[in-house]
C-alpha atoms as a PDB file:
ATOM      1  CA  MET A   1       0.145  -0.177   0.110  1.00  0.00           C
ATOM      2  CA  SER A   2       0.942   3.737  -0.740  1.00  0.00           C
ATOM      3  CA  ASP A   3       2.271   6.074   1.876  1.00  0.00           C
ATOM      4  CA  ARG A   4       0.584   8.787  -0.044  1.00  0.00           C
ATOM      5  CA  ARG A   5      -1.979  10.780   1.929  1.00  0.00           C
ATOM      6  CA  ILE A   6      -5.294  11.545   0.651  1.00  0.00           C
ATOM      7  CA  ARG A   7      -5.263  14.893  -0.535  1.00  0.00           C
ATOM      8  CA  ILE A   8      -8.558  17.369   0.514  1.00  0.00           C
ATOM      9  CA  VAL A   9      -9.788  20.401  -0.895  1.00  0.00           C
ATOM     10  CA  LEU A  10     -12.194  21.987   0.983  1.00  0.00           C
ATOM     11  CA  PHE A  11     -14.524  24.401  -1.028  1.00  0.00           C
ATOM     12  CA  ASP A  12     -16.922  26.845   0.856  1.00  0.00           C
ATOM     13  CA  VAL A  13     -16.707  25.038   3.884  1.00  0.00           C
ATOM     14  CA  ARG A  14     -17.187  27.275   6.780  1.00  0.00           C
ATOM     15  CA  GLY A  15     -18.842  27.519  10.278  1.00  0.00           C
ATOM     16  CA  LEU A  16     -19.809  24.507  12.214  1.00  0.00           C
ATOM     17  CA  LEU A  17     -19.138  22.500   9.009  1.00  0.00           C
ATOM     18  CA  LEU A  18     -15.506  23.773   8.919  1.00  0.00           C
ATOM     19  CA  GLY A  19     -14.767  22.521  12.384  1.00  0.00           C
ATOM     20  CA  ILE A  20     -16.648  19.036  11.777  1.00  0.00           C
ATOM     21  CA  VAL A  21     -14.610  18.358   8.541  1.00  0.00           C
ATOM     22  CA  LYS A  22     -11.141  19.465  10.312  1.00  0.00           C
ATOM     23  CA  ARG A  23     -12.106  17.140  12.918  1.00  0.00           C
ATOM     24  CA  ALA A  24     -12.532  14.398  10.530  1.00  0.00           C
ATOM     25  CA  THR A  25      -9.700  14.852   8.620  1.00  0.00           C
ATOM     26  CA  THR A  26      -7.187  14.426  11.567  1.00  0.00           C
ATOM     27  CA  GLN A  27      -6.425  10.712  10.447  1.00  0.00           C
ATOM     28  CA  SER A  28      -2.494  10.521   9.333  1.00  0.00           C
ATOM     29  CA  ASP A  29      -3.504   9.387   5.829  1.00  0.00           C
ATOM     30  CA  VAL A  30      -5.825  12.464   4.978  1.00  0.00           C
ATOM     31  CA  GLU A  31      -4.323  16.299   4.651  1.00  0.00           C
ATOM     32  CA  ILE A  32      -6.171  19.230   3.888  1.00  0.00           C
ATOM     33  CA  VAL A  33      -4.046  20.941   0.716  1.00  0.00           C
ATOM     34  CA  LEU A  34      -6.323  24.137   0.053  1.00  0.00           C
ATOM     35  CA  GLU A  35      -9.403  25.902   1.223  1.00  0.00           C
ATOM     36  CA  SER A  36     -11.074  27.942  -1.678  1.00  0.00           C
ATOM     37  CA  SER A  37     -14.467  29.739  -1.781  1.00  0.00           C
ATOM     38  CA  SER A  38     -14.410  30.709  -5.778  1.00  0.00           C
ATOM     39  CA  MET A  39     -14.679  28.975  -9.051  1.00  0.00           C
ATOM     40  CA  SER A  40     -12.080  31.701 -10.185  1.00  0.00           C
ATOM     41  CA  GLU A  41      -9.490  29.744  -7.819  1.00  0.00           C
ATOM     42  CA  LEU A  42     -10.014  26.544 -10.136  1.00  0.00           C
ATOM     43  CA  PRO A  43      -6.476  26.238 -11.659  1.00  0.00           C
ATOM     44  CA  THR A  44      -4.920  26.772  -8.224  1.00  0.00           C
ATOM     45  CA  LEU A  45      -7.676  23.909  -7.158  1.00  0.00           C
ATOM     46  CA  ALA A  46      -6.640  21.801 -10.190  1.00  0.00           C
ATOM     47  CA  ALA A  47      -3.000  22.457  -9.185  1.00  0.00           C
ATOM     48  CA  ALA A  48      -3.540  21.418  -5.808  1.00  0.00           C
ATOM     49  CA  GLU A  49      -4.124  17.491  -7.391  1.00  0.00           C
ATOM     50  CA  PRO A  50      -7.008  16.666  -4.768  1.00  0.00           C
ATOM     51  CA  ASP A  51      -8.310  13.176  -4.379  1.00  0.00           C
ATOM     52  CA  VAL A  52     -11.437  14.853  -3.115  1.00  0.00           C
ATOM     53  CA  VAL A  53     -13.210  18.056  -2.869  1.00  0.00           C
ATOM     54  CA  ILE A  54     -15.562  18.652  -0.312  1.00  0.00           C
ATOM     55  CA  LEU A  55     -18.602  21.295  -0.944  1.00  0.00           C
ATOM     56  CA  GLY A  56     -20.107  23.265   1.948  1.00  0.00           C
ATOM     57  CA  GLU A  57     -23.541  22.405   0.509  1.00  0.00           C
ATOM     58  CA  ASP A  58     -24.847  19.628  -1.747  1.00  0.00           C
ATOM     59  CA  GLU A  59     -24.486  22.057  -5.099  1.00  0.00           C
ATOM     60  CA  PRO A  60     -25.222  19.373  -8.095  1.00  0.00           C
ATOM     61  CA  SER A  61     -24.399  22.102 -10.471  1.00  0.00           C
ATOM     62  CA  LEU A  62     -21.110  22.934  -8.783  1.00  0.00           C
ATOM     63  CA  ALA A  63     -20.183  19.262  -8.474  1.00  0.00           C
ATOM     64  CA  ALA A  64     -20.982  18.657 -11.989  1.00  0.00           C
ATOM     65  CA  ARG A  65     -18.748  21.602 -12.863  1.00  0.00           C
ATOM     66  CA  LEU A  66     -16.013  20.321 -11.059  1.00  0.00           C
ATOM     67  CA  LEU A  67     -16.280  16.685 -12.138  1.00  0.00           C
ATOM     68  CA  GLU A  68     -16.080  18.372 -15.948  1.00  0.00           C
ATOM     69  CA  GLU A  69     -12.734  20.241 -14.962  1.00  0.00           C
ATOM     70  CA  LEU A  70     -11.045  17.501 -12.798  1.00  0.00           C
ATOM     71  CA  PRO A  71     -12.651  14.230 -13.782  1.00  0.00           C
ATOM     72  CA  THR A  72     -10.663  11.749 -11.504  1.00  0.00           C
ATOM     73  CA  VAL A  73     -11.454  13.549  -8.250  1.00  0.00           C
ATOM     74  CA  LYS A  74     -14.329  12.687  -5.977  1.00  0.00           C
ATOM     75  CA  VAL A  75     -16.810  15.421  -4.751  1.00  0.00           C
ATOM     76  CA  LEU A  76     -18.343  15.237  -1.427  1.00  0.00           C
ATOM     77  CA  GLY A  77     -21.346  17.627  -0.998  1.00  0.00           C
ATOM     78  CA  VAL A  78     -21.816  18.130   2.510  1.00  0.00           C
ATOM     79  CA  ALA A  79     -24.826  19.550   4.546  1.00  0.00           C
ATOM     80  CA  LEU A  80     -24.095  22.631   6.334  1.00  0.00           C
ATOM     81  CA  ASP A  81     -24.815  20.723   9.634  1.00  0.00           C
ATOM     82  CA  GLY A  82     -22.574  17.964   8.786  1.00  0.00           C
ATOM     83  CA  ARG A  83     -25.457  15.061   9.163  1.00  0.00           C
ATOM     84  CA  GLU A  84     -26.003  14.338   5.125  1.00  0.00           C
ATOM     85  CA  ALA A  85     -23.780  14.161   2.449  1.00  0.00           C
ATOM     86  CA  VAL A  86     -23.804  12.937  -1.039  1.00  0.00           C
ATOM     87  CA  LEU A  87     -20.892  11.637  -3.071  1.00  0.00           C
ATOM     88  CA  TYR A  88     -20.543  12.701  -6.935  1.00  0.00           C
ATOM     89  CA  GLU A  89     -17.718  10.721  -9.154  1.00  0.00           C
ATOM     90  CA  LEU A  90     -17.239  10.104 -12.756  1.00  0.00           C
ATOM     91  CA  ARG A  91     -15.504   6.520 -13.240  1.00  0.00           C
ATOM     92  CA  PRO A  92     -14.824   6.408 -17.291  1.00  0.00           C
ATOM     93  CA  GLN A  93     -13.044   3.421 -17.615  1.00  0.00           C
ATOM     94  CA  ARG A  94     -11.815   0.936 -20.559  1.00  0.00           C
ATOM     95  CA  VAL A  95     -10.830  -2.134 -19.801  1.00  0.00           C
ATOM     96  CA  GLU A  96      -9.104  -4.424 -22.647  1.00  0.00           C
ATOM     97  CA  LEU A  97     -10.317  -7.948 -22.313  1.00  0.00           C
ATOM     98  CA  GLY A  98      -8.586  -9.422 -25.142  1.00  0.00           C
ATOM     99  CA  GLU A  99      -9.849 -12.701 -26.766  1.00  0.00           C
ATOM    100  CA  ILE A 100     -13.061 -13.583 -25.398  1.00  0.00           C
ATOM    101  CA  SER A 101     -14.765 -16.946 -25.167  1.00  0.00           C
ATOM    102  CA  PRO A 102     -18.801 -17.385 -24.285  1.00  0.00           C
ATOM    103  CA  GLU A 103     -17.814 -18.438 -20.427  1.00  0.00           C
ATOM    104  CA  LYS A 104     -15.517 -15.096 -20.290  1.00  0.00           C
ATOM    105  CA  LEU A 105     -18.233 -12.741 -21.781  1.00  0.00           C
ATOM    106  CA  ALA A 106     -20.528 -14.550 -19.437  1.00  0.00           C
ATOM    107  CA  SER A 107     -18.414 -13.892 -16.283  1.00  0.00           C
ATOM    108  CA  VAL A 108     -17.830 -10.120 -17.615  1.00  0.00           C
ATOM    109  CA  ILE A 109     -21.538  -9.833 -17.267  1.00  0.00           C
ATOM    110  CA  ARG A 110     -21.941 -11.321 -14.357  1.00  0.00           C
ATOM    111  CA  ASP A 111     -18.885  -9.095 -12.367  1.00  0.00           C
ATOM    112  CA  ALA A 112     -20.496  -6.051 -14.269  1.00  0.00           C
ATOM    113  CA  ALA A 113     -24.055  -6.575 -13.025  1.00  0.00           C
ATOM    114  CA  LYS A 114     -22.781  -7.555  -9.299  1.00  0.00           C
ATOM    115  CA  ALA A 115     -20.802  -4.216  -9.340  1.00  0.00           C
ATOM    116  CA  ALA A 116     -24.172  -2.134 -10.315  1.00  0.00           C
ATOM    117  CA  MET A 117     -25.962  -3.614  -7.991  1.00  0.00           C
ATOM    118  CA  ALA A 118     -23.639  -2.841  -5.185  1.00  0.00           C
ATOM    119  CA  GLY A 119     -23.558   0.566  -6.198  1.00  0.00           C
ATOM    120  CA  PRO A 120     -20.859   3.077  -5.467  1.00  0.00           C
ATOM    121  CA  ALA A 121     -18.284   1.896  -2.765  1.00  0.00           C
ATOM    122  CA  CYS A 122     -18.045   4.432   0.540  1.00  0.00           C
END
């Protein structure tokens, strides 16, 4: 396993939620690399190479814009009271399967269906 820390950007996280998030990110494998509040800072945000952007509210349009600019990042919209959250992610992925037999095709279909039914890992 890598010793790389999980890089977090806080976007418009303030007040009570800021305290909650800072307590939640005191783990040794997590670091807050940037606190931002403006989309004009998007180049700086991208340069911080975050793994997760935490939004100060669940704002689907803002999450979509962030994912458009940073497709590999996960965006976590957290309610201002810190009690509810929504995770946004894009997961474009292409896996070469090589030569395929009917049995292998059936196995791939089963694996894909199981993953879809299981939903996102949290």
